[in-house]
PDB file of N, CA and C in Angstrom:
ATOM      1  N   MET A   1     143.793  37.516 -66.380  1.00  0.00           N
ATOM      2  CA  MET A   1     144.929  38.672 -66.818  1.00  0.00           C
ATOM      3  C   MET A   1     145.556  38.086 -68.144  1.00  0.00           C
ATOM      4  N   GLU A   2     145.422  39.006 -69.003  1.00  0.00           N
ATOM      5  CA  GLU A   2     146.242  38.763 -70.381  1.00  0.00           C
ATOM      6  C   GLU A   2     147.644  38.933 -70.155  1.00  0.00           C
ATOM      7  N   GLU A   3     148.551  38.328 -71.110  1.00  0.00           N
ATOM      8  CA  GLU A   3     150.001  38.119 -71.213  1.00  0.00           C
ATOM      9  C   GLU A   3     150.277  39.728 -71.223  1.00  0.00           C
ATOM     10  N   GLU A   4     149.801  40.583 -71.765  1.00  0.00           N
ATOM     11  CA  GLU A   4     150.395  42.150 -71.829  1.00  0.00           C
ATOM     12  C   GLU A   4     150.201  42.568 -70.408  1.00  0.00           C
ATOM     13  N   ASN A   5     149.039  42.382 -69.807  1.00  0.00           N
ATOM     14  CA  ASN A   5     148.757  42.734 -68.358  1.00  0.00           C
ATOM     15  C   ASN A   5     149.781  42.240 -67.497  1.00  0.00           C
ATOM     16  N   TRP A   6     150.396  41.015 -67.512  1.00  0.00           N
ATOM     17  CA  TRP A   6     151.407  40.471 -66.549  1.00  0.00           C
ATOM     18  C   TRP A   6     152.414  41.136 -66.801  1.00  0.00           C
ATOM     19  N   ASN A   7     152.840  41.418 -68.177  1.00  0.00           N
ATOM     20  CA  ASN A   7     154.037  42.033 -68.323  1.00  0.00           C
ATOM     21  C   ASN A   7     154.243  43.498 -67.687  1.00  0.00           C
ATOM     22  N   GLU A   8     153.103  44.115 -68.008  1.00  0.00           N
ATOM     23  CA  GLU A   8     152.799  45.521 -67.258  1.00  0.00           C
ATOM     24  C   GLU A   8     153.002  45.485 -65.669  1.00  0.00           C
ATOM     25  N   HIS A   9     152.402  44.469 -65.187  1.00  0.00           N
ATOM     26  CA  HIS A   9     152.393  44.280 -63.759  1.00  0.00           C
ATOM     27  C   HIS A   9     153.820  43.820 -63.314  1.00  0.00           C
ATOM     28  N   ALA A  10     154.646  43.025 -63.947  1.00  0.00           N
ATOM     29  CA  ALA A  10     155.942  43.042 -63.497  1.00  0.00           C
ATOM     30  C   ALA A  10     156.763  44.072 -63.904  1.00  0.00           C
ATOM     31  N   LYS A  11     156.626  44.933 -64.961  1.00  0.00           N
ATOM     32  CA  LYS A  11     157.471  46.018 -65.115  1.00  0.00           C
ATOM     33  C   LYS A  11     157.013  47.079 -63.969  1.00  0.00           C
ATOM     34  N   GLY A  12     155.573  47.408 -63.630  1.00  0.00           N
ATOM     35  CA  GLY A  12     155.365  48.222 -62.639  1.00  0.00           C
ATOM     36  C   GLY A  12     155.899  47.963 -61.271  1.00  0.00           C
ATOM     37  N   ILE A  13     155.838  46.484 -60.829  1.00  0.00           N
ATOM     38  CA  ILE A  13     156.846  46.190 -59.546  1.00  0.00           C
ATOM     39  C   ILE A  13     158.087  46.710 -59.504  1.00  0.00           C
ATOM     40  N   LEU A  14     158.974  46.291 -60.597  1.00  0.00           N
ATOM     41  CA  LEU A  14     160.313  46.689 -60.667  1.00  0.00           C
ATOM     42  C   LEU A  14     160.498  48.199 -60.586  1.00  0.00           C
ATOM     43  N   LYS A  15     159.671  48.767 -61.390  1.00  0.00           N
ATOM     44  CA  LYS A  15     159.824  50.096 -61.510  1.00  0.00           C
ATOM     45  C   LYS A  15     159.562  50.943 -60.178  1.00  0.00           C
ATOM     46  N   ALA A  16     158.431  50.565 -59.340  1.00  0.00           N
ATOM     47  CA  ALA A  16     158.078  50.915 -58.120  1.00  0.00           C
ATOM     48  C   ALA A  16     159.258  50.665 -56.903  1.00  0.00           C
ATOM     49  N   GLU A  17     159.953  49.571 -57.010  1.00  0.00           N
ATOM     50  CA  GLU A  17     160.711  49.250 -56.255  1.00  0.00           C
ATOM     51  C   GLU A  17     161.991  50.076 -56.380  1.00  0.00           C
ATOM     52  N   LEU A  18     162.367  50.263 -57.718  1.00  0.00           N
ATOM     53  CA  LEU A  18     163.387  51.359 -58.013  1.00  0.00           C
ATOM     54  C   LEU A  18     163.249  52.523 -57.504  1.00  0.00           C
ATOM     55  N   SER A  19     161.802  52.971 -57.718  1.00  0.00           N
ATOM     56  CA  SER A  19     161.612  54.426 -57.324  1.00  0.00           C
ATOM     57  C   SER A  19     161.555  54.705 -55.853  1.00  0.00           C
ATOM     58  N   ARG A  20     161.158  53.652 -55.063  1.00  0.00           N
ATOM     59  CA  ARG A  20     161.134  53.813 -53.645  1.00  0.00           C
ATOM     60  C   ARG A  20     162.568  53.738 -53.155  1.00  0.00           C
ATOM     61  N   LYS A  21     163.595  53.136 -53.683  1.00  0.00           N
ATOM     62  CA  LYS A  21     165.116  53.262 -53.361  1.00  0.00           C
ATOM     63  C   LYS A  21     165.494  54.342 -54.034  1.00  0.00           C
ATOM     64  N   ASN A  22     164.982  55.296 -54.938  1.00  0.00           N
ATOM     65  CA  ASN A  22     165.245  56.556 -55.567  1.00  0.00           C
ATOM     66  C   ASN A  22     166.511  55.998 -56.482  1.00  0.00           C
ATOM     67  N   MET A  23     166.493  55.035 -57.171  1.00  0.00           N
ATOM     68  CA  MET A  23     167.371  54.811 -58.101  1.00  0.00           C
ATOM     69  C   MET A  23     167.061  54.734 -59.687  1.00  0.00           C
ATOM     70  N   LYS A  24     168.137  54.698 -60.455  1.00  0.00           N
ATOM     71  CA  LYS A  24     167.825  54.688 -61.665  1.00  0.00           C
ATOM     72  C   LYS A  24     168.444  53.700 -62.434  1.00  0.00           C
ATOM     73  N   TYR A  25     168.326  53.294 -63.743  1.00  0.00           N
ATOM     74  CA  TYR A  25     168.926  52.229 -64.247  1.00  0.00           C
ATOM     75  C   TYR A  25     170.345  52.266 -64.311  1.00  0.00           C
ATOM     76  N   HIS A  26     170.927  53.189 -64.513  1.00  0.00           N
ATOM     77  CA  HIS A  26     172.549  53.110 -64.264  1.00  0.00           C
ATOM     78  C   HIS A  26     173.184  52.648 -62.965  1.00  0.00           C
ATOM     79  N   ASP A  27     172.176  53.195 -61.890  1.00  0.00           N
ATOM     80  CA  ASP A  27     172.483  52.719 -60.461  1.00  0.00           C
ATOM     81  C   ASP A  27     172.215  50.992 -60.281  1.00  0.00           C
ATOM     82  N   LEU A  28     171.173  50.660 -60.915  1.00  0.00           N
ATOM     83  CA  LEU A  28     170.936  49.199 -60.757  1.00  0.00           C
ATOM     84  C   LEU A  28     171.890  48.520 -61.443  1.00  0.00           C
ATOM     85  N   ALA A  29     172.176  48.941 -62.638  1.00  0.00           N
ATOM     86  CA  ALA A  29     173.672  48.241 -63.428  1.00  0.00           C
ATOM     87  C   ALA A  29     174.885  48.358 -62.739  1.00  0.00           C
ATOM     88  N   ARG A  30     175.051  49.024 -62.012  1.00  0.00           N
ATOM     89  CA  ARG A  30     176.421  49.420 -61.208  1.00  0.00           C
ATOM     90  C   ARG A  30     175.948  48.200 -60.154  1.00  0.00           C
ATOM     91  N   LYS A  31     175.107  48.184 -59.197  1.00  0.00           N
ATOM     92  CA  LYS A  31     174.912  47.014 -58.126  1.00  0.00           C
ATOM     93  C   LYS A  31     174.941  45.516 -58.896  1.00  0.00           C
ATOM     94  N   LEU A  32     174.392  45.678 -60.020  1.00  0.00           N
ATOM     95  CA  LEU A  32     174.053  44.329 -60.537  1.00  0.00           C
ATOM     96  C   LEU A  32     175.731  43.641 -60.806  1.00  0.00           C
ATOM     97  N   ASN A  33     176.392  44.694 -61.405  1.00  0.00           N
ATOM     98  CA  ASN A  33     177.726  44.326 -61.873  1.00  0.00           C
ATOM     99  C   ASN A  33     178.470  43.965 -60.890  1.00  0.00           C
ATOM    100  N   VAL A  34     178.423  44.367 -59.454  1.00  0.00           N
ATOM    101  CA  VAL A  34     179.190  44.158 -58.138  1.00  0.00           C
ATOM    102  C   VAL A  34     178.953  42.677 -57.815  1.00  0.00           C
ATOM    103  N   ILE A  35     177.742  42.177 -58.108  1.00  0.00           N
ATOM    104  CA  ILE A  35     177.677  40.748 -57.938  1.00  0.00           C
ATOM    105  C   ILE A  35     177.692  39.709 -58.984  1.00  0.00           C
ATOM    106  N   GLY A  36     178.257  40.417 -60.198  1.00  0.00           N
ATOM    107  CA  GLY A  36     178.635  39.682 -61.304  1.00  0.00           C
ATOM    108  C   GLY A  36     177.873  39.388 -62.400  1.00  0.00           C
ATOM    109  N   ILE A  37     176.835  40.411 -62.233  1.00  0.00           N
ATOM    110  CA  ILE A  37     175.671  40.349 -63.319  1.00  0.00           C
ATOM    111  C   ILE A  37     175.824  41.371 -64.385  1.00  0.00           C
ATOM    112  N   LYS A  38     176.454  40.944 -65.533  1.00  0.00           N
ATOM    113  CA  LYS A  38     176.930  42.058 -66.430  1.00  0.00           C
ATOM    114  C   LYS A  38     175.693  42.553 -67.265  1.00  0.00           C
ATOM    115  N   GLU A  39     175.246  43.656 -66.687  1.00  0.00           N
ATOM    116  CA  GLU A  39     174.086  44.433 -67.464  1.00  0.00           C
ATOM    117  C   GLU A  39     174.501  45.753 -67.334  1.00  0.00           C
ATOM    118  N   ASN A  40     174.036  46.703 -68.494  1.00  0.00           N
ATOM    119  CA  ASN A  40     174.275  47.848 -68.445  1.00  0.00           C
ATOM    120  C   ASN A  40     173.043  48.597 -68.432  1.00  0.00           C
ATOM    121  N   GLN A  41     172.872  50.034 -68.382  1.00  0.00           N
ATOM    122  CA  GLN A  41     171.732  50.823 -68.184  1.00  0.00           C
ATOM    123  C   GLN A  41     170.896  50.523 -69.404  1.00  0.00           C
ATOM    124  N   ASN A  42     171.331  50.505 -70.600  1.00  0.00           N
ATOM    125  CA  ASN A  42     170.384  50.467 -71.915  1.00  0.00           C
ATOM    126  C   ASN A  42     169.760  49.017 -71.870  1.00  0.00           C
ATOM    127  N   THR A  43     170.538  47.774 -71.625  1.00  0.00           N
ATOM    128  CA  THR A  43     169.936  46.692 -71.718  1.00  0.00           C
ATOM    129  C   THR A  43     168.823  46.515 -70.520  1.00  0.00           C
ATOM    130  N   ILE A  44     168.959  47.149 -69.233  1.00  0.00           N
ATOM    131  CA  ILE A  44     168.271  47.114 -68.334  1.00  0.00           C
ATOM    132  C   ILE A  44     166.869  47.813 -68.822  1.00  0.00           C
ATOM    133  N   ALA A  45     167.131  49.093 -69.427  1.00  0.00           N
ATOM    134  CA  ALA A  45     165.906  49.675 -69.788  1.00  0.00           C
ATOM    135  C   ALA A  45     164.901  49.101 -70.825  1.00  0.00           C
ATOM    136  N   THR A  46     165.843  48.374 -71.709  1.00  0.00           N
ATOM    137  CA  THR A  46     165.116  47.633 -72.489  1.00  0.00           C
ATOM    138  C   THR A  46     164.363  46.502 -71.886  1.00  0.00           C
ATOM    139  N   LYS A  47     164.831  45.794 -70.926  1.00  0.00           N
ATOM    140  CA  LYS A  47     164.180  44.798 -70.336  1.00  0.00           C
ATOM    141  C   LYS A  47     162.917  45.250 -69.516  1.00  0.00           C
ATOM    142  N   ILE A  48     163.206  46.152 -68.853  1.00  0.00           N
ATOM    143  CA  ILE A  48     161.927  46.697 -68.013  1.00  0.00           C
ATOM    144  C   ILE A  48     160.965  47.286 -68.971  1.00  0.00           C
ATOM    145  N   SER A  49     161.247  48.116 -69.739  1.00  0.00           N
ATOM    146  CA  SER A  49     160.107  48.650 -70.889  1.00  0.00           C
ATOM    147  C   SER A  49     159.168  47.603 -71.577  1.00  0.00           C
ATOM    148  N   ARG A  50     160.012  46.529 -72.079  1.00  0.00           N
ATOM    149  CA  ARG A  50     159.223  45.215 -72.375  1.00  0.00           C
ATOM    150  C   ARG A  50     158.344  44.724 -71.204  1.00  0.00           C
ATOM    151  N   GLY A  51     158.861  44.776 -69.940  1.00  0.00           N
ATOM    152  CA  GLY A  51     158.164  43.803 -68.818  1.00  0.00           C
ATOM    153  C   GLY A  51     158.267  42.518 -68.934  1.00  0.00           C
ATOM    154  N   ALA A  52     159.029  41.990 -69.997  1.00  0.00           N
ATOM    155  CA  ALA A  52     159.157  40.637 -70.518  1.00  0.00           C
ATOM    156  C   ALA A  52     160.892  39.882 -69.913  1.00  0.00           C
ATOM    157  N   PHE A  53     160.891  40.120 -68.772  1.00  0.00           N
ATOM    158  CA  PHE A  53     162.478  40.008 -68.339  1.00  0.00           C
ATOM    159  C   PHE A  53     162.284  38.787 -67.258  1.00  0.00           C
ATOM    160  N   SER A  54     163.212  37.918 -67.106  1.00  0.00           N
ATOM    161  CA  SER A  54     163.127  36.699 -66.586  1.00  0.00           C
ATOM    162  C   SER A  54     162.856  36.720 -64.952  1.00  0.00           C
ATOM    163  N   PHE A  55     162.545  35.758 -64.247  1.00  0.00           N
ATOM    164  CA  PHE A  55     162.431  35.671 -62.937  1.00  0.00           C
ATOM    165  C   PHE A  55     163.617  36.129 -62.263  1.00  0.00           C
ATOM    166  N   THR A  56     164.662  35.328 -62.817  1.00  0.00           N
ATOM    167  CA  THR A  56     166.025  35.361 -62.347  1.00  0.00           C
ATOM    168  C   THR A  56     166.436  36.820 -62.124  1.00  0.00           C
ATOM    169  N   PHE A  57     166.195  37.677 -63.442  1.00  0.00           N
ATOM    170  CA  PHE A  57     166.582  38.795 -63.339  1.00  0.00           C
ATOM    171  C   PHE A  57     165.972  39.487 -62.342  1.00  0.00           C
ATOM    172  N   PHE A  58     164.706  39.471 -62.214  1.00  0.00           N
ATOM    173  CA  PHE A  58     163.808  40.065 -61.219  1.00  0.00           C
ATOM    174  C   PHE A  58     164.217  39.800 -59.994  1.00  0.00           C
ATOM    175  N   LEU A  59     164.701  38.526 -59.416  1.00  0.00           N
ATOM    176  CA  LEU A  59     165.540  38.215 -58.169  1.00  0.00           C
ATOM    177  C   LEU A  59     166.563  38.968 -58.127  1.00  0.00           C
ATOM    178  N   GLN A  60     167.668  39.066 -59.033  1.00  0.00           N
ATOM    179  CA  GLN A  60     168.795  39.521 -58.904  1.00  0.00           C
ATOM    180  C   GLN A  60     168.600  41.217 -58.743  1.00  0.00           C
ATOM    181  N   CYS A  61     167.417  41.431 -59.260  1.00  0.00           N
ATOM    182  CA  CYS A  61     167.133  43.021 -58.778  1.00  0.00           C
ATOM    183  C   CYS A  61     166.757  43.318 -57.689  1.00  0.00           C
ATOM    184  N   MET A  62     165.915  42.515 -57.026  1.00  0.00           N
ATOM    185  CA  MET A  62     165.427  42.770 -55.778  1.00  0.00           C
ATOM    186  C   MET A  62     166.576  42.335 -54.798  1.00  0.00           C
ATOM    187  N   TYR A  63     167.503  41.669 -54.865  1.00  0.00           N
ATOM    188  CA  TYR A  63     168.613  41.241 -53.993  1.00  0.00           C
ATOM    189  C   TYR A  63     169.652  42.433 -54.042  1.00  0.00           C
ATOM    190  N   VAL A  64     169.738  43.006 -55.056  1.00  0.00           N
ATOM    191  CA  VAL A  64     170.867  44.125 -55.127  1.00  0.00           C
ATOM    192  C   VAL A  64     170.218  45.336 -54.317  1.00  0.00           C
ATOM    193  N   LEU A  65     168.670  45.557 -54.677  1.00  0.00           N
ATOM    194  CA  LEU A  65     168.132  46.534 -53.871  1.00  0.00           C
ATOM    195  C   LEU A  65     167.791  46.504 -52.361  1.00  0.00           C
ATOM    196  N   GLY A  66     168.020  45.188 -52.018  1.00  0.00           N
ATOM    197  CA  GLY A  66     167.941  44.938 -50.560  1.00  0.00           C
ATOM    198  C   GLY A  66     166.499  44.649 -50.346  1.00  0.00           C
ATOM    199  N   ILE A  67     165.574  44.354 -51.248  1.00  0.00           N
ATOM    200  CA  ILE A  67     164.503  43.931 -50.904  1.00  0.00           C
ATOM    201  C   ILE A  67     164.032  42.457 -50.459  1.00  0.00           C
ATOM    202  N   ASN A  68     163.595  42.205 -49.393  1.00  0.00           N
ATOM    203  CA  ASN A  68     163.264  40.526 -49.329  1.00  0.00           C
ATOM    204  C   ASN A  68     161.893  40.285 -49.285  1.00  0.00           C
ATOM    205  N   LYS A  69     160.776  41.231 -49.270  1.00  0.00           N
ATOM    206  CA  LYS A  69     159.329  41.123 -49.491  1.00  0.00           C
ATOM    207  C   LYS A  69     158.884  42.156 -50.227  1.00  0.00           C
ATOM    208  N   ILE A  70     157.885  41.784 -51.108  1.00  0.00           N
ATOM    209  CA  ILE A  70     157.054  42.501 -52.103  1.00  0.00           C
ATOM    210  C   ILE A  70     155.694  42.183 -52.025  1.00  0.00           C
ATOM    211  N   ASN A  71     154.815  42.999 -52.137  1.00  0.00           N
ATOM    212  CA  ASN A  71     153.337  42.835 -52.355  1.00  0.00           C
ATOM    213  C   ASN A  71     152.978  42.583 -53.940  1.00  0.00           C
ATOM    214  N   LEU A  72     152.625  41.603 -54.279  1.00  0.00           N
ATOM    215  CA  LEU A  72     152.305  41.406 -55.731  1.00  0.00           C
ATOM    216  C   LEU A  72     150.895  42.008 -56.301  1.00  0.00           C
ATOM    217  N   ASN A  73     150.066  42.089 -55.175  1.00  0.00           N
ATOM    218  CA  ASN A  73     148.876  42.818 -55.692  1.00  0.00           C
ATOM    219  C   ASN A  73     147.982  42.061 -56.612  1.00  0.00           C
ATOM    220  N   ILE A  74     148.311  40.840 -56.959  1.00  0.00           N
ATOM    221  CA  ILE A  74     147.730  39.966 -57.912  1.00  0.00           C
ATOM    222  C   ILE A  74     146.279  39.743 -57.393  1.00  0.00           C
ATOM    223  N   GLY A  75     145.450  39.707 -58.486  1.00  0.00           N
ATOM    224  CA  GLY A  75     144.155  39.202 -58.011  1.00  0.00           C
ATOM    225  C   GLY A  75     143.176  40.751 -57.772  1.00  0.00           C
ATOM    226  N   GLU A  76     143.659  41.788 -57.668  1.00  0.00           N
ATOM    227  CA  GLU A  76     142.870  43.067 -57.221  1.00  0.00           C
ATOM    228  C   GLU A  76     142.326  43.393 -58.225  1.00  0.00           C
ATOM    229  N   ASN A  77     142.814  43.310 -59.608  1.00  0.00           N
ATOM    230  CA  ASN A  77     141.940  43.794 -60.897  1.00  0.00           C
ATOM    231  C   ASN A  77     141.398  42.923 -61.706  1.00  0.00           C
ATOM    232  N   ASN A  78     140.980  41.507 -60.963  1.00  0.00           N
ATOM    233  CA  ASN A  78     140.624  40.493 -61.643  1.00  0.00           C
ATOM    234  C   ASN A  78     139.241  41.159 -62.624  1.00  0.00           C
ATOM    235  N   GLU A  79     138.918  40.640 -63.656  1.00  0.00           N
ATOM    236  CA  GLU A  79     137.655  41.041 -64.286  1.00  0.00           C
ATOM    237  C   GLU A  79     137.068  39.852 -64.631  1.00  0.00           C
TER     238      GLU A  79
END
């Protein structure tokens, strides 16, 4: 998988989890702020659109979304 595909995959996972929780970026920002992570809707939108966010940011998002398990689906599209 090329680097761009990894970024797209990471972005897709986070966006799918937000969608499952019926949450928008401003909702995520509010939840992150509650646990002391200073993010706003615009910085979150930029990070997610690039798909090049830190694993720490990803874990923080999963935590505030209440997600303990995810399916990475890695290897399903190997070429």
